């Protein structure tokens, strides 16, 4: 029997999708169409992905340059059952999350830590597979220089 020499990769998205629906994980990450590119891509983005990307991008800009960004949720125009446009709810939620982070969390972090970098991609070998991840923030503690 020949050993499997392929590199197996995983990440949080693949893991969680596999827990929720193994078939969805197969179609999104492992299906091999004749063109040879793995997975089938959605033609539209899910609101959770768009919102998460907006928050992570805004935090990265805030922590690295001190600037601000407001994501455009204009493509979400279908009114939900309660009558409030989803884009307006997303704007309010984004503003609230970023305001709390900037006013409360970030100043406390900066008291004891130096913010080194944001959104750093890493790959960790784990016994025959690679775990892919993205670190939201890389910090160095001022007191002893340890990295987090």
Foldseek 3Di string as FASTA:
>chain_A
DDDDPDAAEDEPVLVVCCVVPVVQSCQAAPDQDPVGDGHDDDPDDDPVVVLVVQLLVQVQCCQPPVDGDQDQPPVQADADPVRDGPRVVSRVVSVVVVCCCVVPVVVVCVVFKRWDGAQQWDWDDDVRYIYIDTHGTWIATPVPRDID
